Amino acid sequence: MKREYMISEIVSPKGVCHLSDIENVDDWARMHQNEPQAGRFPENASFKMSSDFPKDVKLADALANVDGFLVVSERFANFLADQKALAHNEVHPVGIVNHKGRREQAKYFIIHQIDDPKCVDESKTVGKKSTLMPDQFSTLKTLALDAKRIDGTYVIFRPAEYKLRVFFRGDLAEKIESAGFTGIEFFDLEDYSDY
């Protein structure tokens, strides 16, 4: 049975770099609460390749990073724009700095979610709410979405009640897989447990 929405996970194939924290963005933590950055996102925003993985230097279409942002290649970002999948998101360029301290020539972007739907079906979800943000889950065993509460314009989003993972509409996830983009995998919520 086809699922309307899939949960994404950024994976690092062998040899692909992992990224540290974002640099030169003073209020990056507010981005996780959907604060728009248009007009003020710094031109020198960048990620360094993690020193924990000194031999991993390759680049994938989606790159894992400590902050949990959706960081994608220019090819991937253009594909998402062509698919008209970026409503409720901003796209900001970021540099990737290699282990030698040099900025990679390849262009990368953060796909930043600025408006998340309140769409978790709490009657079917098992988890614990955050003490700091009681409207959001901090841990989950199972997650269910109420698709009726997700406007059709939301193609890429984070549920307002669970912002740790990015969700994709099922048809877009299939197109991404068919196009062979690297560094990202999609899972049916019913089969997923790695929250």
N, C-alpha and C. Protein backbone atom coordinates (compact mmCIF):
# COMPACT_ATOMS: atom_id res chain seq x y z
N MET A 1 0.84 -1.20 0.00
CA MET A 1 0.00 0.00 0.00
C MET A 1 0.88 1.25 0.00
N LYS A 2 0.57 2.18 -0.86
CA LYS A 2 1.34 3.42 -0.97
C LYS A 2 1.05 4.32 0.22
N ARG A 3 2.10 4.91 0.77
CA ARG A 3 1.96 5.83 1.89
C ARG A 3 1.99 7.26 1.38
N GLU A 4 1.18 8.09 2.00
CA GLU A 4 1.13 9.49 1.57
C GLU A 4 2.39 10.25 1.93
N TYR A 5 2.98 9.92 3.09
CA TYR A 5 4.15 10.64 3.57
C TYR A 5 5.19 9.65 4.07
N MET A 6 6.45 9.99 3.79
CA MET A 6 7.57 9.13 4.19
C MET A 6 8.51 9.93 5.10
N ILE A 7 9.12 9.23 6.04
CA ILE A 7 10.11 9.87 6.90
C ILE A 7 11.47 9.70 6.24
N SER A 8 12.27 10.75 6.25
CA SER A 8 13.59 10.68 5.62
C SER A 8 14.67 10.49 6.66
N GLU A 9 15.73 9.87 6.22
CA GLU A 9 16.91 9.72 7.06
C GLU A 9 18.13 10.00 6.20
N ILE A 10 19.02 10.85 6.72
CA ILE A 10 20.24 11.13 5.99
C ILE A 10 21.25 10.05 6.37
N VAL A 11 21.80 9.42 5.36
CA VAL A 11 22.75 8.33 5.57
C VAL A 11 24.07 8.72 4.89
N SER A 12 25.15 8.16 5.39
CA SER A 12 26.45 8.47 4.81
C SER A 12 27.06 7.20 4.21
N PRO A 13 26.96 7.06 2.89
CA PRO A 13 27.62 5.92 2.25
C PRO A 13 29.11 5.93 2.56
N LYS A 14 29.77 4.81 2.37
CA LYS A 14 31.19 4.68 2.70
C LYS A 14 32.01 5.79 2.04
N GLY A 15 32.81 6.45 2.86
CA GLY A 15 33.70 7.50 2.37
C GLY A 15 33.08 8.87 2.29
N VAL A 16 31.76 8.97 2.48
CA VAL A 16 31.09 10.29 2.40
C VAL A 16 31.27 11.02 3.73
N CYS A 17 31.56 12.30 3.64
CA CYS A 17 31.83 13.10 4.83
C CYS A 17 30.60 13.27 5.71
N HIS A 18 30.87 13.49 6.98
CA HIS A 18 29.88 13.93 7.95
C HIS A 18 30.22 15.38 8.25
N LEU A 19 29.22 16.19 8.57
CA LEU A 19 29.46 17.60 8.84
C LEU A 19 29.30 17.92 10.31
N SER A 20 30.08 18.89 10.79
CA SER A 20 29.96 19.37 12.16
C SER A 20 28.81 20.38 12.23
N ASP A 21 28.82 21.24 13.25
CA ASP A 21 27.80 22.28 13.40
C ASP A 21 27.92 23.34 12.32
N ILE A 22 26.80 24.00 12.05
CA ILE A 22 26.84 25.12 11.13
C ILE A 22 27.63 26.25 11.77
N GLU A 23 28.38 26.98 10.95
CA GLU A 23 29.20 28.09 11.44
C GLU A 23 28.76 29.41 10.81
N ASN A 24 28.99 30.49 11.57
CA ASN A 24 28.71 31.87 11.14
C ASN A 24 27.22 32.19 11.07
N VAL A 25 26.39 31.38 11.72
CA VAL A 25 24.94 31.66 11.81
C VAL A 25 24.63 31.79 13.29
N ASP A 26 24.47 33.04 13.76
CA ASP A 26 24.33 33.29 15.19
C ASP A 26 23.09 32.66 15.81
N ASP A 27 21.98 32.71 15.10
CA ASP A 27 20.71 32.23 15.69
C ASP A 27 20.25 30.92 15.04
N TRP A 28 21.21 30.02 14.77
CA TRP A 28 20.87 28.78 14.07
C TRP A 28 19.85 27.95 14.85
N ALA A 29 19.88 28.00 16.19
CA ALA A 29 18.94 27.18 16.98
C ALA A 29 17.50 27.61 16.73
N ARG A 30 17.29 28.89 16.45
CA ARG A 30 15.93 29.37 16.18
C ARG A 30 15.40 28.85 14.85
N MET A 31 16.32 28.45 13.99
CA MET A 31 15.88 27.88 12.71
C MET A 31 15.07 26.61 12.95
N HIS A 32 15.39 25.89 14.02
CA HIS A 32 14.64 24.66 14.34
C HIS A 32 13.23 24.96 14.83
N GLN A 33 12.97 26.22 15.13
CA GLN A 33 11.61 26.63 15.50
C GLN A 33 10.97 27.45 14.37
N ASN A 34 11.44 27.21 13.15
CA ASN A 34 10.86 27.77 11.93
C ASN A 34 11.11 29.26 11.72
N GLU A 35 12.08 29.84 12.40
CA GLU A 35 12.31 31.27 12.21
C GLU A 35 12.86 31.52 10.81
N PRO A 36 12.17 32.33 10.00
CA PRO A 36 12.65 32.63 8.65
C PRO A 36 14.00 33.34 8.69
N GLN A 37 14.81 33.07 7.67
CA GLN A 37 16.15 33.65 7.58
C GLN A 37 16.31 34.51 6.33
N ALA A 38 15.26 34.64 5.53
CA ALA A 38 15.35 35.39 4.28
C ALA A 38 15.82 36.81 4.55
N GLY A 39 16.81 37.26 3.76
CA GLY A 39 17.32 38.61 3.88
C GLY A 39 18.39 38.79 4.94
N ARG A 40 18.63 37.76 5.75
CA ARG A 40 19.66 37.90 6.79
C ARG A 40 20.52 36.66 6.98
N PHE A 41 20.27 35.64 6.17
CA PHE A 41 21.12 34.45 6.28
C PHE A 41 22.51 34.82 5.77
N PRO A 42 23.56 34.57 6.57
CA PRO A 42 24.89 35.06 6.20
C PRO A 42 25.48 34.36 4.98
N GLU A 43 26.17 35.14 4.16
CA GLU A 43 26.80 34.61 2.95
C GLU A 43 27.92 33.64 3.27
N ASN A 44 28.52 33.77 4.45
CA ASN A 44 29.65 32.91 4.80
C ASN A 44 29.24 31.71 5.66
N ALA A 45 27.95 31.40 5.71
CA ALA A 45 27.50 30.22 6.45
C ALA A 45 28.16 28.97 5.87
N SER A 46 28.62 28.10 6.74
CA SER A 46 29.32 26.92 6.26
C SER A 46 29.30 25.80 7.28
N PHE A 47 29.65 24.62 6.80
CA PHE A 47 29.85 23.45 7.65
C PHE A 47 31.26 22.93 7.39
N LYS A 48 31.96 22.55 8.45
CA LYS A 48 33.23 21.86 8.30
C LYS A 48 32.97 20.37 8.29
N MET A 49 33.78 19.66 7.52
CA MET A 49 33.75 18.20 7.60
C MET A 49 34.19 17.80 9.00
N SER A 50 33.50 16.82 9.58
CA SER A 50 33.76 16.42 10.96
C SER A 50 35.13 15.77 11.10
N SER A 51 35.87 16.25 12.10
CA SER A 51 37.19 15.67 12.38
C SER A 51 37.08 14.27 12.97
N ASP A 52 35.88 13.87 13.38
CA ASP A 52 35.67 12.51 13.87
C ASP A 52 35.78 11.47 12.76
N PHE A 53 35.66 11.94 11.51
CA PHE A 53 35.73 11.05 10.35
C PHE A 53 36.76 11.60 9.36
N PRO A 54 38.04 11.59 9.74
CA PRO A 54 39.07 12.29 8.94
C PRO A 54 39.31 11.69 7.56
N LYS A 55 38.93 10.44 7.35
CA LYS A 55 39.17 9.81 6.04
C LYS A 55 37.97 9.95 5.11
N ASP A 56 36.86 10.44 5.64
CA ASP A 56 35.64 10.56 4.83
C ASP A 56 35.60 11.94 4.19
N VAL A 57 35.78 11.97 2.87
CA VAL A 57 35.91 13.25 2.17
C VAL A 57 34.96 13.38 0.98
N LYS A 58 34.28 12.32 0.62
CA LYS A 58 33.39 12.38 -0.54
C LYS A 58 32.14 13.19 -0.21
N LEU A 59 31.49 13.67 -1.27
CA LEU A 59 30.25 14.44 -1.11
C LEU A 59 29.08 13.64 -1.69
N ALA A 60 27.96 13.66 -0.99
CA ALA A 60 26.73 13.03 -1.47
C ALA A 60 25.72 14.14 -1.76
N ASP A 61 24.55 13.76 -2.27
CA ASP A 61 23.51 14.76 -2.56
C ASP A 61 22.86 15.30 -1.30
N ALA A 62 22.87 14.51 -0.23
CA ALA A 62 22.40 14.97 1.08
C ALA A 62 23.47 14.62 2.09
N LEU A 63 23.80 15.56 2.97
CA LEU A 63 24.90 15.37 3.90
C LEU A 63 24.44 15.42 5.35
N ALA A 64 24.86 14.41 6.12
CA ALA A 64 24.54 14.36 7.54
C ALA A 64 25.30 15.46 8.27
N ASN A 65 24.63 16.10 9.23
CA ASN A 65 25.28 17.14 10.01
C ASN A 65 24.76 17.12 11.44
N VAL A 66 25.57 17.59 12.36
CA VAL A 66 25.25 17.53 13.78
C VAL A 66 23.95 18.26 14.10
N ASP A 67 23.64 19.32 13.37
CA ASP A 67 22.46 20.14 13.68
C ASP A 67 21.15 19.58 13.12
N GLY A 68 21.23 18.57 12.28
CA GLY A 68 20.00 17.97 11.75
C GLY A 68 19.34 18.78 10.65
N PHE A 69 20.07 19.68 10.01
CA PHE A 69 19.50 20.43 8.89
C PHE A 69 19.47 19.56 7.64
N LEU A 70 18.58 19.90 6.73
CA LEU A 70 18.53 19.23 5.43
C LEU A 70 19.50 19.97 4.51
N VAL A 71 20.69 19.40 4.32
CA VAL A 71 21.76 20.00 3.52
C VAL A 71 21.89 19.19 2.24
N VAL A 72 21.69 19.86 1.11
CA VAL A 72 21.63 19.15 -0.17
C VAL A 72 22.51 19.80 -1.24
N SER A 73 22.86 18.98 -2.22
CA SER A 73 23.66 19.46 -3.34
C SER A 73 22.85 20.39 -4.23
N GLU A 74 23.55 21.11 -5.10
CA GLU A 74 22.88 21.99 -6.05
C GLU A 74 21.93 21.20 -6.95
N ARG A 75 22.38 20.03 -7.39
CA ARG A 75 21.55 19.18 -8.25
C ARG A 75 20.26 18.78 -7.54
N PHE A 76 20.36 18.43 -6.28
CA PHE A 76 19.19 18.02 -5.50
C PHE A 76 18.27 19.22 -5.27
N ALA A 77 18.84 20.37 -4.91
CA ALA A 77 18.04 21.58 -4.68
C ALA A 77 17.30 21.98 -5.95
N ASN A 78 17.98 21.91 -7.09
CA ASN A 78 17.32 22.25 -8.36
C ASN A 78 16.20 21.27 -8.68
N PHE A 79 16.42 20.01 -8.38
CA PHE A 79 15.39 19.00 -8.61
C PHE A 79 14.14 19.30 -7.76
N LEU A 80 14.35 19.64 -6.49
CA LEU A 80 13.22 19.96 -5.62
C LEU A 80 12.47 21.20 -6.11
N ALA A 81 13.21 22.18 -6.61
CA ALA A 81 12.57 23.38 -7.17
C ALA A 81 11.77 23.03 -8.41
N ASP A 82 12.34 22.20 -9.29
CA ASP A 82 11.65 21.78 -10.51
C ASP A 82 10.37 21.00 -10.20
N GLN A 83 10.39 20.26 -9.09
CA GLN A 83 9.22 19.48 -8.68
C GLN A 83 8.19 20.34 -7.93
N LYS A 84 8.50 21.62 -7.78
CA LYS A 84 7.64 22.55 -7.03
C LYS A 84 7.35 22.00 -5.62
N ALA A 85 8.44 21.55 -4.96
CA ALA A 85 8.32 20.90 -3.66
C ALA A 85 8.73 21.80 -2.50
N LEU A 86 9.02 23.08 -2.77
CA LEU A 86 9.66 23.90 -1.74
C LEU A 86 8.74 24.91 -1.06
N ALA A 87 7.43 24.78 -1.24
CA ALA A 87 6.52 25.65 -0.47
C ALA A 87 6.77 25.42 1.01
N HIS A 88 6.69 26.46 1.81
CA HIS A 88 6.90 26.41 3.26
C HIS A 88 8.36 26.13 3.62
N ASN A 89 9.27 26.33 2.67
CA ASN A 89 10.70 26.15 2.90
C ASN A 89 11.46 27.33 2.32
N GLU A 90 12.62 27.63 2.91
CA GLU A 90 13.56 28.56 2.32
C GLU A 90 14.79 27.77 1.87
N VAL A 91 15.49 28.30 0.87
CA VAL A 91 16.71 27.67 0.37
C VAL A 91 17.86 28.66 0.56
N HIS A 92 18.88 28.24 1.31
CA HIS A 92 20.02 29.12 1.60
C HIS A 92 21.33 28.42 1.25
N PRO A 93 22.23 29.11 0.53
CA PRO A 93 23.52 28.50 0.21
C PRO A 93 24.41 28.36 1.44
N VAL A 94 25.13 27.25 1.49
CA VAL A 94 26.11 27.03 2.57
C VAL A 94 27.38 26.44 1.95
N GLY A 95 28.50 26.79 2.53
CA GLY A 95 29.76 26.22 2.08
C GLY A 95 30.08 24.93 2.82
N ILE A 96 30.83 24.07 2.17
CA ILE A 96 31.35 22.86 2.80
C ILE A 96 32.87 23.01 2.85
N VAL A 97 33.42 22.98 4.07
CA VAL A 97 34.86 23.17 4.27
C VAL A 97 35.49 21.81 4.55
N ASN A 98 36.48 21.46 3.72
CA ASN A 98 37.06 20.12 3.84
C ASN A 98 38.07 20.04 4.99
N HIS A 99 38.65 18.86 5.17
CA HIS A 99 39.55 18.62 6.29
C HIS A 99 40.83 19.47 6.20
N LYS A 100 41.15 19.96 5.02
CA LYS A 100 42.33 20.81 4.86
C LYS A 100 42.01 22.29 5.06
N GLY A 101 40.75 22.58 5.40
CA GLY A 101 40.35 23.96 5.65
C GLY A 101 39.96 24.72 4.40
N ARG A 102 39.83 24.02 3.29
CA ARG A 102 39.46 24.67 2.04
C ARG A 102 37.98 24.45 1.74
N ARG A 103 37.37 25.49 1.21
CA ARG A 103 35.96 25.40 0.84
C ARG A 103 35.83 24.59 -0.46
N GLU A 104 34.95 23.60 -0.43
CA GLU A 104 34.72 22.78 -1.62
C GLU A 104 34.06 23.64 -2.70
N GLN A 105 34.36 23.34 -3.95
CA GLN A 105 33.77 24.10 -5.06
C GLN A 105 32.30 23.74 -5.26
N ALA A 106 31.93 22.52 -4.94
CA ALA A 106 30.53 22.10 -5.12
C ALA A 106 29.60 22.97 -4.28
N LYS A 107 28.47 23.33 -4.87
CA LYS A 107 27.51 24.20 -4.17
C LYS A 107 26.52 23.36 -3.39
N TYR A 108 26.27 23.79 -2.14
CA TYR A 108 25.31 23.12 -1.26
C TYR A 108 24.34 24.13 -0.67
N PHE A 109 23.21 23.62 -0.22
CA PHE A 109 22.13 24.47 0.27
C PHE A 109 21.45 23.83 1.48
N ILE A 110 20.97 24.68 2.37
CA ILE A 110 20.07 24.23 3.43
C ILE A 110 18.65 24.41 2.91
N ILE A 111 17.86 23.37 3.02
CA ILE A 111 16.41 23.48 2.78
C ILE A 111 15.80 23.67 4.16
N HIS A 112 15.40 24.90 4.45
CA HIS A 112 14.98 25.30 5.80
C HIS A 112 13.46 25.36 5.90
N GLN A 113 12.89 24.53 6.78
CA GLN A 113 11.44 24.50 6.98
C GLN A 113 11.02 25.69 7.84
N ILE A 114 10.10 26.52 7.32
CA ILE A 114 9.70 27.73 8.04
C ILE A 114 8.25 27.71 8.49
N ASP A 115 7.53 26.66 8.17
CA ASP A 115 6.11 26.61 8.53
C ASP A 115 5.70 25.14 8.56
N ASP A 116 5.62 24.58 9.77
CA ASP A 116 5.34 23.15 9.89
C ASP A 116 3.89 22.89 10.29
N PRO A 117 3.27 21.92 9.65
CA PRO A 117 1.88 21.62 9.98
C PRO A 117 1.75 20.86 11.30
N LYS A 118 0.71 21.19 12.04
CA LYS A 118 0.40 20.43 13.26
C LYS A 118 -0.40 19.22 12.81
N CYS A 119 0.27 18.06 12.72
CA CYS A 119 -0.35 16.94 12.02
C CYS A 119 -0.12 15.58 12.65
N VAL A 120 0.46 15.53 13.85
CA VAL A 120 0.66 14.24 14.51
C VAL A 120 -0.67 13.76 15.09
N ASP A 121 -1.00 12.50 14.81
CA ASP A 121 -2.18 11.87 15.40
C ASP A 121 -1.77 11.32 16.76
N GLU A 122 -2.03 12.13 17.79
CA GLU A 122 -1.54 11.77 19.13
C GLU A 122 -2.26 10.56 19.71
N SER A 123 -3.44 10.23 19.22
CA SER A 123 -4.15 9.05 19.73
C SER A 123 -3.47 7.75 19.27
N LYS A 124 -2.65 7.83 18.20
CA LYS A 124 -1.96 6.64 17.68
C LYS A 124 -0.45 6.73 17.82
N THR A 125 0.03 7.80 18.46
CA THR A 125 1.46 8.02 18.62
C THR A 125 1.87 7.68 20.04
N VAL A 126 3.01 6.99 20.17
CA VAL A 126 3.53 6.63 21.49
C VAL A 126 4.88 7.32 21.67
N GLY A 127 4.96 8.19 22.67
CA GLY A 127 6.20 8.90 22.91
C GLY A 127 6.09 9.77 24.14
N LYS A 128 7.15 10.55 24.36
CA LYS A 128 7.21 11.43 25.53
C LYS A 128 7.39 12.86 25.06
N LYS A 129 6.62 13.76 25.67
CA LYS A 129 6.73 15.18 25.32
C LYS A 129 7.93 15.81 26.02
N SER A 130 8.46 16.85 25.39
CA SER A 130 9.60 17.57 25.92
C SER A 130 9.18 18.42 27.11
N THR A 131 10.04 18.50 28.13
CA THR A 131 9.74 19.38 29.26
C THR A 131 9.98 20.84 28.88
N LEU A 132 10.93 21.08 27.97
CA LEU A 132 11.22 22.45 27.54
C LEU A 132 10.19 22.97 26.54
N MET A 133 9.72 22.08 25.66
CA MET A 133 8.73 22.46 24.65
C MET A 133 7.60 21.43 24.71
N PRO A 134 6.66 21.62 25.63
CA PRO A 134 5.64 20.60 25.90
C PRO A 134 4.70 20.29 24.74
N ASP A 135 4.73 21.10 23.68
CA ASP A 135 3.91 20.81 22.51
C ASP A 135 4.62 19.90 21.52
N GLN A 136 5.89 19.52 21.84
CA GLN A 136 6.67 18.68 20.93
C GLN A 136 7.12 17.40 21.62
N PHE A 137 7.22 16.33 20.83
CA PHE A 137 7.74 15.07 21.34
C PHE A 137 9.27 15.12 21.36
N SER A 138 9.85 14.63 22.46
CA SER A 138 11.31 14.53 22.53
C SER A 138 11.76 13.10 22.22
N THR A 139 10.94 12.12 22.57
CA THR A 139 11.24 10.73 22.23
C THR A 139 9.97 10.07 21.70
N LEU A 140 10.19 9.10 20.82
CA LEU A 140 9.05 8.40 20.21
C LEU A 140 9.34 6.92 20.09
N LYS A 141 8.28 6.13 20.25
CA LYS A 141 8.34 4.70 19.92
C LYS A 141 7.62 4.45 18.61
N THR A 142 6.47 5.11 18.45
CA THR A 142 5.74 5.05 17.19
C THR A 142 5.17 6.43 16.90
N LEU A 143 5.07 6.74 15.61
CA LEU A 143 4.55 8.03 15.19
C LEU A 143 3.51 7.82 14.10
N ALA A 144 2.39 8.49 14.26
CA ALA A 144 1.34 8.45 13.24
C ALA A 144 0.99 9.87 12.85
N LEU A 145 0.80 10.09 11.56
CA LEU A 145 0.37 11.40 11.07
C LEU A 145 -1.10 11.35 10.70
N ASP A 146 -1.77 12.48 10.84
CA ASP A 146 -3.14 12.63 10.39
C ASP A 146 -3.09 13.40 9.07
N ALA A 147 -3.14 12.66 7.97
CA ALA A 147 -2.96 13.26 6.64
C ALA A 147 -4.01 14.32 6.34
N LYS A 148 -5.17 14.23 6.97
CA LYS A 148 -6.23 15.23 6.73
C LYS A 148 -5.84 16.60 7.25
N ARG A 149 -4.86 16.64 8.15
CA ARG A 149 -4.43 17.92 8.72
C ARG A 149 -3.22 18.51 7.99
N ILE A 150 -2.82 17.86 6.88
CA ILE A 150 -1.67 18.35 6.12
C ILE A 150 -2.17 18.92 4.80
N ASP A 151 -2.08 20.21 4.68
CA ASP A 151 -2.49 20.90 3.45
C ASP A 151 -1.68 20.35 2.27
N GLY A 152 -2.29 20.27 1.12
CA GLY A 152 -1.63 19.71 -0.07
C GLY A 152 -0.39 20.45 -0.51
N THR A 153 -0.17 21.67 -0.01
CA THR A 153 1.02 22.42 -0.40
C THR A 153 2.26 21.97 0.37
N TYR A 154 2.07 21.15 1.42
CA TYR A 154 3.22 20.67 2.19
C TYR A 154 3.77 19.42 1.53
N VAL A 155 4.94 19.56 0.90
CA VAL A 155 5.59 18.44 0.23
C VAL A 155 6.81 18.00 1.03
N ILE A 156 7.54 18.97 1.58
CA ILE A 156 8.68 18.73 2.47
C ILE A 156 8.41 19.52 3.75
N PHE A 157 8.43 18.82 4.89
CA PHE A 157 8.07 19.50 6.14
C PHE A 157 8.54 18.68 7.34
N ARG A 158 8.48 19.31 8.49
CA ARG A 158 8.67 18.63 9.77
C ARG A 158 7.35 18.80 10.53
N PRO A 159 6.78 17.74 11.07
CA PRO A 159 5.56 17.93 11.86
C PRO A 159 5.83 18.89 13.03
N ALA A 160 4.91 19.77 13.30
CA ALA A 160 5.10 20.76 14.37
C ALA A 160 5.36 20.10 15.71
N GLU A 161 4.84 18.89 15.89
CA GLU A 161 4.99 18.19 17.17
C GLU A 161 6.25 17.32 17.23
N TYR A 162 6.96 17.18 16.10
CA TYR A 162 8.18 16.37 16.08
C TYR A 162 9.09 16.91 14.99
N LYS A 163 10.07 17.74 15.38
CA LYS A 163 10.87 18.48 14.40
C LYS A 163 12.23 17.83 14.10
N LEU A 164 12.48 16.65 14.62
CA LEU A 164 13.80 16.05 14.46
C LEU A 164 14.03 15.40 13.10
N ARG A 165 12.98 15.09 12.39
CA ARG A 165 13.13 14.46 11.08
C ARG A 165 12.30 15.23 10.04
N VAL A 166 12.79 15.14 8.80
CA VAL A 166 12.09 15.80 7.69
C VAL A 166 11.24 14.75 6.97
N PHE A 167 10.02 15.14 6.65
CA PHE A 167 9.08 14.25 5.96
C PHE A 167 8.90 14.72 4.51
N PHE A 168 8.68 13.77 3.64
CA PHE A 168 8.46 14.04 2.23
C PHE A 168 7.15 13.39 1.79
N ARG A 169 6.43 14.07 0.93
CA ARG A 169 5.24 13.44 0.36
C ARG A 169 5.69 12.20 -0.41
N GLY A 170 4.90 11.14 -0.35
CA GLY A 170 5.30 9.85 -0.90
C GLY A 170 5.67 9.89 -2.36
N ASP A 171 4.92 10.62 -3.18
CA ASP A 171 5.23 10.65 -4.61
C ASP A 171 6.58 11.31 -4.88
N LEU A 172 6.92 12.34 -4.10
CA LEU A 172 8.22 12.99 -4.26
C LEU A 172 9.35 12.05 -3.81
N ALA A 173 9.14 11.36 -2.71
CA ALA A 173 10.16 10.41 -2.23
C ALA A 173 10.47 9.37 -3.30
N GLU A 174 9.44 8.88 -3.97
CA GLU A 174 9.65 7.89 -5.04
C GLU A 174 10.45 8.48 -6.20
N LYS A 175 10.17 9.73 -6.55
CA LYS A 175 10.91 10.38 -7.63
C LYS A 175 12.38 10.59 -7.25
N ILE A 176 12.62 10.93 -5.99
CA ILE A 176 13.99 11.13 -5.52
C ILE A 176 14.76 9.81 -5.59
N GLU A 177 14.12 8.74 -5.16
CA GLU A 177 14.76 7.43 -5.22
C GLU A 177 15.03 7.02 -6.67
N SER A 178 14.06 7.25 -7.53
CA SER A 178 14.23 6.88 -8.95
C SER A 178 15.33 7.67 -9.62
N ALA A 179 15.51 8.92 -9.18
CA ALA A 179 16.55 9.78 -9.78
C ALA A 179 17.95 9.44 -9.27
N GLY A 180 18.04 8.59 -8.25
CA GLY A 180 19.35 8.14 -7.78
C GLY A 180 20.11 9.10 -6.90
N PHE A 181 19.41 9.99 -6.21
CA PHE A 181 20.11 10.90 -5.30
C PHE A 181 20.72 10.11 -4.14
N THR A 182 21.91 10.52 -3.73
CA THR A 182 22.64 9.79 -2.70
C THR A 182 22.57 10.50 -1.35
N GLY A 183 22.70 9.70 -0.29
CA GLY A 183 22.76 10.26 1.07
C GLY A 183 21.43 10.40 1.75
N ILE A 184 20.35 9.96 1.13
CA ILE A 184 19.03 10.06 1.74
C ILE A 184 18.24 8.78 1.47
N GLU A 185 17.53 8.33 2.49
CA GLU A 185 16.66 7.17 2.37
C GLU A 185 15.29 7.52 2.95
N PHE A 186 14.29 6.77 2.52
CA PHE A 186 12.92 7.04 2.96
C PHE A 186 12.31 5.78 3.55
N PHE A 187 11.48 5.98 4.57
CA PHE A 187 10.88 4.86 5.29
C PHE A 187 9.40 5.11 5.52
N ASP A 188 8.66 4.03 5.44
CA ASP A 188 7.26 4.03 5.81
C ASP A 188 7.18 4.19 7.33
N LEU A 189 6.31 5.05 7.81
CA LEU A 189 6.21 5.28 9.25
C LEU A 189 5.88 4.00 10.01
N GLU A 190 5.11 3.13 9.42
CA GLU A 190 4.73 1.89 10.12
C GLU A 190 5.92 0.97 10.35
N ASP A 191 6.95 1.12 9.52
CA ASP A 191 8.12 0.24 9.64
C ASP A 191 9.31 0.93 10.33
N TYR A 192 9.15 2.18 10.70
CA TYR A 192 10.29 2.97 11.18
C TYR A 192 10.35 2.97 12.70
N SER A 193 11.55 2.84 13.24
CA SER A 193 11.69 2.87 14.71
C SER A 193 12.89 3.67 15.19
N ASP A 194 13.69 4.21 14.27
CA ASP A 194 14.92 4.91 14.64
C ASP A 194 14.68 6.40 14.84
N TYR A 195 13.83 6.74 15.80
CA TYR A 195 13.52 8.15 16.06
C TYR A 195 14.63 8.80 16.88
